[in-house]
C-alpha atoms as a PDB file:
ATOM      1  CA  MET A   1      98.160 174.744 -81.411  1.00  0.00           C
ATOM      2  CA  LEU A   2      95.247 172.524 -80.495  1.00  0.00           C
ATOM      3  CA  ARG A   3      97.415 169.483 -80.859  1.00  0.00           C
ATOM      4  CA  PHE A   4      99.919 171.224 -78.308  1.00  0.00           C
ATOM      5  CA  TRP A   5      97.033 172.021 -75.866  1.00  0.00           C
ATOM      6  CA  CYS A   6      95.759 168.530 -76.288  1.00  0.00           C
ATOM      7  CA  THR A   7      99.482 167.137 -75.337  1.00  0.00           C
ATOM      8  CA  CYS A   8      99.612 169.445 -72.392  1.00  0.00           C
ATOM      9  CA  CYS A   9      96.397 168.145 -71.083  1.00  0.00           C
ATOM     10  CA  LEU A  10      97.355 164.524 -71.633  1.00  0.00           C
ATOM     11  CA  ILE A  11     100.587 165.008 -69.755  1.00  0.00           C
ATOM     12  CA  PHE A  12      98.622 166.755 -67.089  1.00  0.00           C
ATOM     13  CA  VAL A  13      96.162 163.603 -66.568  1.00  0.00           C
ATOM     14  CA  LEU A  14      98.992 161.272 -66.769  1.00  0.00           C
ATOM     15  CA  LEU A  15     100.860 163.147 -63.914  1.00  0.00           C
ATOM     16  CA  ALA A  16      97.827 163.569 -62.033  1.00  0.00           C
ATOM     17  CA  SER A  17      97.085 159.656 -62.218  1.00  0.00           C
ATOM     18  CA  ALA A  18     100.725 159.085 -61.344  1.00  0.00           C
ATOM     19  CA  ARG A  19     100.236 160.869 -58.173  1.00  0.00           C
ATOM     20  CA  GLN A  20      97.151 159.290 -57.323  1.00  0.00           C
ATOM     21  CA  ALA A  21      98.551 156.075 -57.977  1.00  0.00           C
ATOM     22  CA  CYS A  22     101.086 156.576 -55.443  1.00  0.00           C
ATOM     23  CA  ALA A  23      99.745 158.944 -52.833  1.00  0.00           C
ATOM     24  CA  GLY A  24     102.844 158.617 -50.712  1.00  0.00           C
ATOM     25  CA  LYS A  25     105.855 156.445 -49.578  1.00  0.00           C
ATOM     26  CA  VAL A  26     105.649 154.540 -46.130  1.00  0.00           C
ATOM     27  CA  LEU A  27     108.612 153.119 -44.588  1.00  0.00           C
ATOM     28  CA  VAL A  28     107.760 150.177 -42.205  1.00  0.00           C
ATOM     29  CA  ILE A  29     110.614 149.449 -39.725  1.00  0.00           C
ATOM     30  CA  GLU A  30     110.219 146.192 -37.983  1.00  0.00           C
ATOM     31  CA  SER A  31     111.544 145.200 -34.704  1.00  0.00           C
ATOM     32  CA  TYR A  32     111.702 141.550 -36.074  1.00  0.00           C
ATOM     33  CA  HIS A  33     111.666 139.820 -39.377  1.00  0.00           C
ATOM     34  CA  GLN A  34     109.132 138.856 -41.860  1.00  0.00           C
ATOM     35  CA  GLY A  35     109.755 135.097 -41.215  1.00  0.00           C
ATOM     36  CA  PHE A  36     108.406 135.778 -37.710  1.00  0.00           C
ATOM     37  CA  SER A  37     104.610 135.127 -37.910  1.00  0.00           C
ATOM     38  CA  TRP A  38     103.605 138.249 -36.148  1.00  0.00           C
ATOM     39  CA  ASP A  39     105.571 140.473 -38.562  1.00  0.00           C
ATOM     40  CA  ALA A  40     104.126 138.604 -41.585  1.00  0.00           C
ATOM     41  CA  SER A  41     100.647 138.845 -40.285  1.00  0.00           C
ATOM     42  CA  TYR A  42     100.612 142.564 -39.653  1.00  0.00           C
ATOM     43  CA  LEU A  43     102.353 143.263 -42.871  1.00  0.00           C
ATOM     44  CA  ARG A  44      99.594 141.556 -44.740  1.00  0.00           C
ATOM     45  CA  GLY A  45      96.927 143.817 -42.950  1.00  0.00           C
ATOM     46  CA  LEU A  46      99.080 147.004 -43.538  1.00  0.00           C
ATOM     47  CA  ARG A  47      99.281 146.253 -47.358  1.00  0.00           C
ATOM     48  CA  GLU A  48      95.802 145.485 -47.650  1.00  0.00           C
ATOM     49  CA  VAL A  49      95.037 149.072 -46.717  1.00  0.00           C
ATOM     50  CA  LEU A  50      97.892 150.990 -48.175  1.00  0.00           C
ATOM     51  CA  ALA A  51      99.478 149.031 -50.870  1.00  0.00           C
ATOM     52  CA  SER A  52      96.992 150.066 -53.667  1.00  0.00           C
ATOM     53  CA  ASP A  53      98.040 153.515 -53.812  1.00  0.00           C
ATOM     54  CA  HIS A  54     101.020 153.774 -51.391  1.00  0.00           C
ATOM     55  CA  GLU A  55     104.609 152.609 -52.069  1.00  0.00           C
ATOM     56  CA  ILE A  56     105.653 150.659 -49.030  1.00  0.00           C
ATOM     57  CA  ARG A  57     109.417 149.732 -48.100  1.00  0.00           C
ATOM     58  CA  THR A  58     110.151 147.444 -45.147  1.00  0.00           C
ATOM     59  CA  PHE A  59     113.446 147.173 -42.969  1.00  0.00           C
ATOM     60  CA  GLU A  60     114.055 144.170 -40.794  1.00  0.00           C
ATOM     61  CA  MET A  61     115.857 145.314 -37.535  1.00  0.00           C
ATOM     62  CA  ASP A  62     115.820 141.345 -36.819  1.00  0.00           C
ATOM     63  CA  THR A  63     116.156 141.941 -33.016  1.00  0.00           C
ATOM     64  CA  LYS A  64     114.787 138.428 -32.334  1.00  0.00           C
ATOM     65  CA  ARG A  65     117.710 136.753 -33.833  1.00  0.00           C
ATOM     66  CA  ILE A  66     120.716 139.000 -33.440  1.00  0.00           C
ATOM     67  CA  PRO A  67     122.515 139.621 -30.157  1.00  0.00           C
ATOM     68  CA  ALA A  68     121.574 142.700 -28.148  1.00  0.00           C
ATOM     69  CA  GLU A  69     124.893 144.429 -28.734  1.00  0.00           C
ATOM     70  CA  GLN A  70     124.105 144.721 -32.386  1.00  0.00           C
ATOM     71  CA  PHE A  71     120.734 146.594 -31.873  1.00  0.00           C
ATOM     72  CA  SER A  72     122.459 150.107 -31.997  1.00  0.00           C
ATOM     73  CA  ARG A  73     124.054 149.026 -35.359  1.00  0.00           C
ATOM     74  CA  ARG A  74     120.740 147.937 -36.825  1.00  0.00           C
ATOM     75  CA  ALA A  75     119.035 151.009 -35.785  1.00  0.00           C
ATOM     76  CA  ALA A  76     121.663 153.005 -37.488  1.00  0.00           C
ATOM     77  CA  GLU A  77     121.126 151.152 -40.544  1.00  0.00           C
ATOM     78  CA  ALA A  78     117.482 151.930 -40.300  1.00  0.00           C
ATOM     79  CA  LEU A  79     118.043 155.566 -39.929  1.00  0.00           C
ATOM     80  CA  ALA A  80     120.331 155.408 -42.949  1.00  0.00           C
ATOM     81  CA  VAL A  81     117.460 153.768 -45.072  1.00  0.00           C
ATOM     82  CA  PHE A  82     115.002 156.484 -43.709  1.00  0.00           C
ATOM     83  CA  ARG A  83     117.329 159.288 -44.704  1.00  0.00           C
ATOM     84  CA  GLU A  84     117.890 157.671 -48.539  1.00  0.00           C
ATOM     85  CA  TYR A  85     114.226 156.836 -48.885  1.00  0.00           C
ATOM     86  CA  LYS A  86     112.702 160.042 -47.663  1.00  0.00           C
ATOM     87  CA  PRO A  87     109.300 158.443 -46.779  1.00  0.00           C
ATOM     88  CA  ASP A  88     106.213 160.520 -45.969  1.00  0.00           C
ATOM     89  CA  LEU A  89     105.285 158.340 -43.064  1.00  0.00           C
ATOM     90  CA  VAL A  90     106.960 155.723 -40.999  1.00  0.00           C
ATOM     91  CA  VAL A  91     105.415 152.773 -39.305  1.00  0.00           C
ATOM     92  CA  LEU A  92     107.161 151.393 -36.221  1.00  0.00           C
ATOM     93  CA  GLY A  93     106.485 147.857 -35.520  1.00  0.00           C
ATOM     94  CA  ASP A  94     106.816 146.764 -31.976  1.00  0.00           C
ATOM     95  CA  ASP A  95     108.821 147.990 -28.993  1.00  0.00           C
ATOM     96  CA  ASN A  96     112.424 147.618 -30.191  1.00  0.00           C
ATOM     97  CA  ALA A  97     111.979 149.724 -33.212  1.00  0.00           C
ATOM     98  CA  ALA A  98     110.170 152.459 -31.120  1.00  0.00           C
ATOM     99  CA  ARG A  99     112.676 152.414 -28.384  1.00  0.00           C
ATOM    100  CA  LEU A 100     115.713 152.892 -30.618  1.00  0.00           C
ATOM    101  CA  LEU A 101     114.414 155.087 -33.241  1.00  0.00           C
ATOM    102  CA  ALA A 102     111.654 157.141 -31.944  1.00  0.00           C
ATOM    103  CA  PRO A 103     113.976 159.968 -30.661  1.00  0.00           C
ATOM    104  CA  ASP A 104     115.887 160.502 -34.104  1.00  0.00           C
ATOM    105  CA  LEU A 105     112.526 160.185 -35.933  1.00  0.00           C
ATOM    106  CA  LEU A 106     110.653 162.511 -33.843  1.00  0.00           C
ATOM    107  CA  ALA A 107     113.206 165.292 -34.746  1.00  0.00           C
ATOM    108  CA  THR A 108     112.201 164.950 -38.324  1.00  0.00           C
ATOM    109  CA  ALA A 109     108.572 165.877 -38.069  1.00  0.00           C
ATOM    110  CA  VAL A 110     107.683 163.059 -40.419  1.00  0.00           C
ATOM    111  CA  PRO A 111     104.433 161.344 -39.163  1.00  0.00           C
ATOM    112  CA  ILE A 112     104.666 158.192 -37.135  1.00  0.00           C
ATOM    113  CA  VAL A 113     102.169 155.228 -36.759  1.00  0.00           C
ATOM    114  CA  PHE A 114     103.400 152.703 -34.119  1.00  0.00           C
ATOM    115  CA  LEU A 115     101.766 149.295 -33.663  1.00  0.00           C
ATOM    116  CA  GLY A 116     102.348 146.264 -31.238  1.00  0.00           C
ATOM    117  CA  LEU A 117     103.795 148.204 -28.364  1.00  0.00           C
ATOM    118  CA  ASN A 118     103.938 146.281 -24.841  1.00  0.00           C
ATOM    119  CA  ASN A 119     105.290 149.275 -22.984  1.00  0.00           C
ATOM    120  CA  ASN A 120     103.622 152.835 -22.410  1.00  0.00           C
ATOM    121  CA  PRO A 121     104.325 154.881 -25.490  1.00  0.00           C
ATOM    122  CA  ARG A 122     105.531 157.658 -22.977  1.00  0.00           C
ATOM    123  CA  GLU A 123     108.470 155.531 -22.449  1.00  0.00           C
ATOM    124  CA  TYR A 124     109.702 156.245 -26.014  1.00  0.00           C
ATOM    125  CA  SER A 125     108.539 159.742 -25.997  1.00  0.00           C
ATOM    126  CA  LEU A 126     105.824 158.796 -28.552  1.00  0.00           C
ATOM    127  CA  TYR A 127     102.895 160.376 -26.646  1.00  0.00           C
ATOM    128  CA  GLY A 128     101.529 163.968 -27.146  1.00  0.00           C
ATOM    129  CA  HIS A 129     102.930 164.689 -30.717  1.00  0.00           C
ATOM    130  CA  PRO A 130     100.227 165.848 -33.252  1.00  0.00           C
ATOM    131  CA  HIS A 131     102.075 163.700 -36.067  1.00  0.00           C
ATOM    132  CA  VAL A 132     102.271 160.347 -34.055  1.00  0.00           C
ATOM    133  CA  ALA A 133      99.410 157.863 -33.365  1.00  0.00           C
ATOM    134  CA  GLY A 134      99.243 154.166 -32.812  1.00  0.00           C
ATOM    135  CA  LEU A 135      98.268 150.922 -31.269  1.00  0.00           C
ATOM    136  CA  MET A 136      99.183 148.909 -27.966  1.00  0.00           C
ATOM    137  CA  GLU A 137      99.527 145.121 -28.098  1.00  0.00           C
ATOM    138  CA  ARG A 138      99.658 144.163 -24.345  1.00  0.00           C
ATOM    139  CA  PRO A 139      98.803 140.438 -24.050  1.00  0.00           C
ATOM    140  CA  LEU A 140      95.574 139.950 -22.368  1.00  0.00           C
ATOM    141  CA  LEU A 141      97.123 137.674 -19.633  1.00  0.00           C
ATOM    142  CA  PHE A 142      94.371 137.754 -16.944  1.00  0.00           C
ATOM    143  CA  GLN A 143      91.358 138.268 -19.420  1.00  0.00           C
ATOM    144  CA  SER A 144      92.734 134.947 -21.032  1.00  0.00           C
ATOM    145  CA  VAL A 145      92.616 132.960 -17.595  1.00  0.00           C
ATOM    146  CA  SER A 146      88.876 134.455 -17.246  1.00  0.00           C
ATOM    147  CA  VAL A 147      88.031 133.285 -20.632  1.00  0.00           C
ATOM    148  CA  ALA A 148      89.737 129.845 -20.100  1.00  0.00           C
ATOM    149  CA  ARG A 149      87.467 129.331 -16.826  1.00  0.00           C
ATOM    150  CA  LYS A 150      84.511 129.758 -18.856  1.00  0.00           C
ATOM    151  CA  ILE A 151      85.269 127.312 -21.663  1.00  0.00           C
ATOM    152  CA  CYS A 152      87.253 124.633 -20.140  1.00  0.00           C
ATOM    153  CA  PRO A 153      85.049 121.641 -18.983  1.00  0.00           C
ATOM    154  CA  PHE A 154      87.407 120.866 -16.064  1.00  0.00           C
ATOM    155  CA  PRO A 155      88.256 123.086 -12.864  1.00  0.00           C
ATOM    156  CA  ILE A 156      91.364 125.451 -13.235  1.00  0.00           C
ATOM    157  CA  ARG A 157      92.968 126.338 -10.038  1.00  0.00           C
ATOM    158  CA  ARG A 158      96.672 127.030 -11.248  1.00  0.00           C
ATOM    159  CA  VAL A 159      97.968 128.184 -14.624  1.00  0.00           C
ATOM    160  CA  LEU A 160     101.257 128.645 -15.947  1.00  0.00           C
ATOM    161  CA  PHE A 161     102.389 131.426 -18.319  1.00  0.00           C
ATOM    162  CA  LEU A 162     105.609 130.372 -20.091  1.00  0.00           C
ATOM    163  CA  PHE A 163     107.640 132.966 -21.946  1.00  0.00           C
ATOM    164  CA  ASP A 164     111.697 133.470 -23.041  1.00  0.00           C
ATOM    165  CA  VAL A 165     113.802 136.013 -21.599  1.00  0.00           C
ATOM    166  CA  SER A 166     113.534 138.372 -24.383  1.00  0.00           C
ATOM    167  CA  GLU A 167     113.087 142.190 -24.030  1.00  0.00           C
ATOM    168  CA  THR A 168     109.385 141.899 -24.872  1.00  0.00           C
ATOM    169  CA  SER A 169     108.815 139.172 -22.397  1.00  0.00           C
ATOM    170  CA  ASN A 170     110.602 141.330 -19.612  1.00  0.00           C
ATOM    171  CA  LEU A 171     108.267 144.105 -20.571  1.00  0.00           C
ATOM    172  CA  ILE A 172     105.299 141.888 -20.027  1.00  0.00           C
ATOM    173  CA  ALA A 173     106.569 140.317 -16.932  1.00  0.00           C
ATOM    174  CA  GLY A 174     107.074 143.835 -15.530  1.00  0.00           C
ATOM    175  CA  ASP A 175     103.804 145.218 -16.609  1.00  0.00           C
ATOM    176  CA  VAL A 176     101.645 142.412 -15.830  1.00  0.00           C
ATOM    177  CA  PHE A 177     103.133 140.689 -12.948  1.00  0.00           C
ATOM    178  CA  HIS A 178     105.043 143.607 -11.740  1.00  0.00           C
ATOM    179  CA  ASP A 179     108.239 141.515 -11.818  1.00  0.00           C
ATOM    180  CA  GLY A 180     106.714 139.074  -9.487  1.00  0.00           C
ATOM    181  CA  ALA A 181     106.223 135.227 -10.087  1.00  0.00           C
ATOM    182  CA  SER A 182     102.457 134.713  -9.330  1.00  0.00           C
ATOM    183  CA  LYS A 183      99.246 136.654  -9.249  1.00  0.00           C
ATOM    184  CA  GLU A 184      95.734 135.797  -7.839  1.00  0.00           C
ATOM    185  CA  LEU A 185      92.775 135.981 -10.336  1.00  0.00           C
ATOM    186  CA  LEU A 186      89.262 135.017  -9.534  1.00  0.00           C
ATOM    187  CA  GLY A 187      90.772 132.290  -7.138  1.00  0.00           C
ATOM    188  CA  ILE A 188      93.011 131.147  -9.816  1.00  0.00           C
ATOM    189  CA  ARG A 189      96.758 131.300  -9.257  1.00  0.00           C
ATOM    190  CA  ALA A 190      98.563 132.519 -12.330  1.00  0.00           C
ATOM    191  CA  ASP A 191     102.430 131.946 -12.258  1.00  0.00           C
ATOM    192  CA  LEU A 192     104.737 133.319 -14.715  1.00  0.00           C
ATOM    193  CA  ARG A 193     108.130 131.367 -15.523  1.00  0.00           C
ATOM    194  CA  GLN A 194     110.834 132.876 -17.949  1.00  0.00           C
ATOM    195  CA  VAL A 195     113.192 130.268 -19.376  1.00  0.00           C
ATOM    196  CA  ALA A 196     116.453 130.874 -21.280  1.00  0.00           C
ATOM    197  CA  THR A 197     117.097 127.684 -23.214  1.00  0.00           C
ATOM    198  CA  VAL A 198     115.140 125.238 -25.198  1.00  0.00           C
ATOM    199  CA  GLU A 199     115.773 122.474 -22.851  1.00  0.00           C
ATOM    200  CA  GLU A 200     114.501 124.548 -19.904  1.00  0.00           C
ATOM    201  CA  TRP A 201     111.167 125.252 -22.102  1.00  0.00           C
ATOM    202  CA  LYS A 202     110.669 121.544 -22.647  1.00  0.00           C
ATOM    203  CA  ASP A 203     111.360 120.801 -18.842  1.00  0.00           C
ATOM    204  CA  ALA A 204     108.648 123.282 -17.980  1.00  0.00           C
ATOM    205  CA  VAL A 205     106.164 122.019 -20.382  1.00  0.00           C
ATOM    206  CA  GLN A 206     106.725 118.241 -19.605  1.00  0.00           C
ATOM    207  CA  THR A 207     106.615 118.651 -15.702  1.00  0.00           C
ATOM    208  CA  ALA A 208     103.480 121.097 -15.766  1.00  0.00           C
ATOM    209  CA  GLY A 209     100.984 118.298 -14.672  1.00  0.00           C
ATOM    210  CA  GLU A 210     103.168 117.077 -11.821  1.00  0.00           C
ATOM    211  CA  ASN A 211     103.861 120.749 -10.719  1.00  0.00           C
ATOM    212  CA  GLY A 212     100.244 121.203 -10.217  1.00  0.00           C
ATOM    213  CA  TYR A 213      99.209 123.196 -13.396  1.00  0.00           C
ATOM    214  CA  ASP A 214      95.957 122.769 -15.004  1.00  0.00           C
ATOM    215  CA  LEU A 215      96.651 124.766 -18.074  1.00  0.00           C
ATOM    216  CA  ILE A 216      99.621 126.275 -19.909  1.00  0.00           C
ATOM    217  CA  PHE A 217      99.637 129.669 -21.693  1.00  0.00           C
ATOM    218  CA  VAL A 218     102.305 129.721 -24.307  1.00  0.00           C
ATOM    219  CA  GLY A 219     104.027 132.949 -24.774  1.00  0.00           C
ATOM    220  CA  LEU A 220     107.189 134.088 -26.651  1.00  0.00           C
ATOM    221  CA  SER A 221     109.850 131.589 -27.531  1.00  0.00           C
ATOM    222  CA  GLN A 222     112.208 133.119 -30.137  1.00  0.00           C
ATOM    223  CA  ARG A 223     114.924 134.030 -27.816  1.00  0.00           C
ATOM    224  CA  LEU A 224     115.462 130.599 -26.357  1.00  0.00           C
ATOM    225  CA  GLU A 225     119.141 129.190 -26.620  1.00  0.00           C
ATOM    226  CA  GLY A 226     119.877 125.941 -27.762  1.00  0.00           C
ATOM    227  CA  ALA A 227     118.019 125.743 -31.224  1.00  0.00           C
ATOM    228  CA  GLU A 228     119.783 124.190 -34.046  1.00  0.00           C
ATOM    229  CA  SER A 229     119.513 127.108 -35.994  1.00  0.00           C
ATOM    230  CA  GLY A 230     120.580 129.599 -33.347  1.00  0.00           C
ATOM    231  CA  CYS A 231     117.144 131.084 -33.365  1.00  0.00           C
ATOM    232  CA  CYS A 232     114.002 129.346 -32.055  1.00  0.00           C
ATOM    233  CA  ASN A 233     111.141 128.960 -34.421  1.00  0.00           C
ATOM    234  CA  ASP A 234     108.097 130.202 -32.660  1.00  0.00           C
ATOM    235  CA  GLU A 235     105.541 127.726 -34.565  1.00  0.00           C
ATOM    236  CA  ASP A 236     107.878 124.704 -34.268  1.00  0.00           C
ATOM    237  CA  MET A 237     107.834 125.414 -30.479  1.00  0.00           C
ATOM    238  CA  VAL A 238     104.147 125.946 -30.233  1.00  0.00           C
ATOM    239  CA  GLN A 239     103.554 122.627 -32.037  1.00  0.00           C
ATOM    240  CA  TRP A 240     106.210 120.719 -29.734  1.00  0.00           C
ATOM    241  CA  THR A 241     104.487 122.233 -26.634  1.00  0.00           C
ATOM    242  CA  ALA A 242     100.932 121.338 -28.038  1.00  0.00           C
ATOM    243  CA  GLN A 243     102.157 117.620 -28.754  1.00  0.00           C
ATOM    244  CA  HIS A 244     104.160 117.151 -25.356  1.00  0.00           C
ATOM    245  CA  SER A 245     102.212 118.918 -22.897  1.00  0.00           C
ATOM    246  CA  PRO A 246     100.496 116.791 -20.221  1.00  0.00           C
ATOM    247  CA  VAL A 247      97.864 119.465 -19.707  1.00  0.00           C
ATOM    248  CA  PRO A 248      95.955 121.599 -22.254  1.00  0.00           C
ATOM    249  CA  SER A 249      97.765 124.465 -23.917  1.00  0.00           C
ATOM    250  CA  PHE A 250      96.295 127.997 -24.802  1.00  0.00           C
ATOM    251  CA  GLY A 251      97.834 130.922 -26.884  1.00  0.00           C
ATOM    252  CA  LEU A 252      98.063 134.435 -26.759  1.00  0.00           C
ATOM    253  CA  TRP A 253      98.980 135.250 -30.451  1.00  0.00           C
ATOM    254  CA  ASP A 254      96.639 134.253 -33.311  1.00  0.00           C
ATOM    255  CA  PHE A 255      99.461 132.373 -35.184  1.00  0.00           C
ATOM    256  CA  SER A 256      99.707 129.928 -32.254  1.00  0.00           C
ATOM    257  CA  ILE A 257      96.023 128.623 -32.505  1.00  0.00           C
ATOM    258  CA  GLY A 258      95.253 125.541 -35.059  1.00  0.00           C
ATOM    259  CA  ARG A 259      95.244 122.030 -35.562  1.00  0.00           C
ATOM    260  CA  GLY A 260      98.453 120.400 -34.232  1.00  0.00           C
ATOM    261  CA  LYS A 261      99.005 123.743 -32.246  1.00  0.00           C
ATOM    262  CA  LEU A 262      97.399 125.156 -29.423  1.00  0.00           C
ATOM    263  CA  ALA A 263      93.579 124.753 -28.728  1.00  0.00           C
ATOM    264  CA  ALA A 264      92.404 128.394 -28.010  1.00  0.00           C
ATOM    265  CA  GLY A 265      93.240 131.763 -26.351  1.00  0.00           C
ATOM    266  CA  LEU A 266      92.143 135.468 -26.301  1.00  0.00           C
ATOM    267  CA  VAL A 267      94.803 136.606 -28.911  1.00  0.00           C
ATOM    268  CA  HIS A 268      96.112 139.612 -30.791  1.00  0.00           C
ATOM    269  CA  VAL A 269      95.626 139.519 -34.253  1.00  0.00           C
ATOM    270  CA  GLY A 270      98.383 140.759 -36.313  1.00  0.00           C
ATOM    271  CA  GLU A 271      96.457 141.389 -39.427  1.00  0.00           C
ATOM    272  CA  GLU A 272      93.930 143.354 -37.408  1.00  0.00           C
ATOM    273  CA  GLN A 273      96.729 145.747 -36.027  1.00  0.00           C
ATOM    274  CA  GLY A 274      98.276 146.021 -39.601  1.00  0.00           C
ATOM    275  CA  ARG A 275      94.811 147.237 -40.902  1.00  0.00           C
ATOM    276  CA  ALA A 276      94.339 149.609 -37.992  1.00  0.00           C
ATOM    277  CA  ALA A 277      97.785 150.785 -38.361  1.00  0.00           C
ATOM    278  CA  GLY A 278      97.067 151.370 -42.120  1.00  0.00           C
ATOM    279  CA  ASN A 279      94.111 153.363 -41.397  1.00  0.00           C
ATOM    280  CA  LEU A 280      95.721 155.384 -38.838  1.00  0.00           C
ATOM    281  CA  ALA A 281      98.423 156.111 -41.639  1.00  0.00           C
ATOM    282  CA  ARG A 282      95.963 157.206 -44.167  1.00  0.00           C
ATOM    283  CA  ARG A 283      94.505 159.764 -41.551  1.00  0.00           C
ATOM    284  CA  LEU A 284      98.104 161.228 -40.673  1.00  0.00           C
ATOM    285  CA  LEU A 285      98.751 161.529 -44.534  1.00  0.00           C
ATOM    286  CA  ALA A 286      95.504 163.096 -45.081  1.00  0.00           C
ATOM    287  CA  GLY A 287      96.602 165.912 -42.729  1.00  0.00           C
ATOM    288  CA  GLU A 288      94.512 164.803 -39.712  1.00  0.00           C
ATOM    289  CA  ARG A 289      96.615 165.538 -36.310  1.00  0.00           C
ATOM    290  CA  SER A 290      96.477 162.712 -33.724  1.00  0.00           C
ATOM    291  CA  VAL A 291      94.992 165.151 -31.108  1.00  0.00           C
ATOM    292  CA  SER A 292      91.664 163.708 -32.676  1.00  0.00           C
ATOM    293  CA  ILE A 293      93.108 160.078 -32.783  1.00  0.00           C
ATOM    294  CA  PRO A 294      92.585 158.316 -29.331  1.00  0.00           C
ATOM    295  CA  LEU A 295      95.342 155.746 -28.555  1.00  0.00           C
ATOM    296  CA  ALA A 296      94.075 152.208 -29.501  1.00  0.00           C
ATOM    297  CA  VAL A 297      94.421 149.171 -27.152  1.00  0.00           C
ATOM    298  CA  GLU A 298      93.221 145.956 -28.384  1.00  0.00           C
ATOM    299  CA  ASP A 299      90.355 144.004 -26.827  1.00  0.00           C
ATOM    300  CA  GLY A 300      91.754 140.775 -28.287  1.00  0.00           C
ATOM    301  CA  VAL A 301      89.757 138.055 -30.139  1.00  0.00           C
ATOM    302  CA  LEU A 302      88.756 134.765 -29.038  1.00  0.00           C
ATOM    303  CA  MET A 303      90.204 132.202 -31.471  1.00  0.00           C
ATOM    304  CA  TYR A 304      89.891 128.398 -31.378  1.00  0.00           C
ATOM    305  CA  SER A 305      90.771 125.424 -33.398  1.00  0.00           C
ATOM    306  CA  ARG A 306      87.665 123.397 -34.135  1.00  0.00           C
ATOM    307  CA  PHE A 307      89.890 120.288 -34.069  1.00  0.00           C
ATOM    308  CA  GLU A 308      91.847 120.798 -30.879  1.00  0.00           C
ATOM    309  CA  ALA A 309      88.735 122.255 -29.095  1.00  0.00           C
ATOM    310  CA  ALA A 310      86.785 119.265 -29.802  1.00  0.00           C
ATOM    311  CA  ARG A 311      89.706 116.995 -28.538  1.00  0.00           C
ATOM    312  CA  LEU A 312      89.777 118.765 -25.320  1.00  0.00           C
ATOM    313  CA  GLY A 313      85.838 118.981 -25.201  1.00  0.00           C
ATOM    314  CA  LEU A 314      85.970 122.847 -24.802  1.00  0.00           C
ATOM    315  CA  VAL A 315      82.452 124.327 -24.454  1.00  0.00           C
ATOM    316  CA  PHE A 316      81.739 127.917 -25.708  1.00  0.00           C
ATOM    317  CA  PRO A 317      78.834 130.018 -24.061  1.00  0.00           C
ATOM    318  CA  ALA A 318      76.572 131.694 -26.540  1.00  0.00           C
ATOM    319  CA  GLY A 319      78.049 135.233 -25.413  1.00  0.00           C
ATOM    320  CA  LEU A 320      81.456 133.957 -26.397  1.00  0.00           C
ATOM    321  CA  ALA A 321      80.847 131.933 -29.481  1.00  0.00           C
ATOM    322  CA  LEU A 322      79.155 134.854 -31.047  1.00  0.00           C
ATOM    323  CA  ASN A 323      82.414 136.776 -31.681  1.00  0.00           C
ATOM    324  CA  ALA A 324      84.642 133.877 -31.590  1.00  0.00           C
ATOM    325  CA  VAL A 325      86.763 133.055 -34.650  1.00  0.00           C
ATOM    326  CA  ALA A 326      87.308 129.459 -35.569  1.00  0.00           C
ATOM    327  CA  VAL A 327      90.138 127.866 -37.449  1.00  0.00           C
ATOM    328  CA  GLU A 328      90.835 124.444 -38.389  1.00  0.00           C
END
């Protein structure tokens, strides 16, 4: 009898340990794909927080590479994975996943964490639910101009924000520029240009100086047409721009800053978004309701390349240098 009870206790301990080892199943539905630097970065942060005691499965909607008419099919495939996997929580990465999947997922009452949203969560019905929490990722365009003015050793009168014609770029254009082409900030003219092809992008970069620009801010480029692979590699375009621009070029995302790439920028950091999303997931899985979790909007991080900053003679005032992140 003693042996029987010892065996029962051992089984109980093993089962409890197994439950503790995997506290829940998390499905991450990416708008894009893991070869995209932003996705790879936020997934690292998410796994850092959750992977030790949660099972994580990912689904790539791949909307930076497939035609828009295939988005609905990919959304249906994502829902099929959701129903088969039966996760305890879903993470929606970026706007396309939120826009295409939120209505169906909300009907299930499974907790949802969103990250990387450029649009207002209300537009996707993701606001006001007790089991939903998340983070915004609106590029800090005008704040970036203010920072650039402080660190550049030359006067800045006019800057160019260069983007592709993707859905995310369109959201940024509408939200920040209100579908116009120019804004005035601190006496600096900021122009937005969206281009459809690699050829147009290269022309915009190479003629920036003669068109009166003192600085280029490099936006999204994955949806540019004309790339040999059919999909533009964001890091390749960043490197090409840095090498061929007649004026200094700054970035808006962390993966664009570095030696041989862009010199500096007030950027969103994918790993930070991933960690923050992972912590929100833990809170929801522990039973906390999002009425006590405020919507998070990133302030951005000043990041610079030591090599490129030295080459351009960038100067960082003490207040900015204190919290800046330096990379090679």
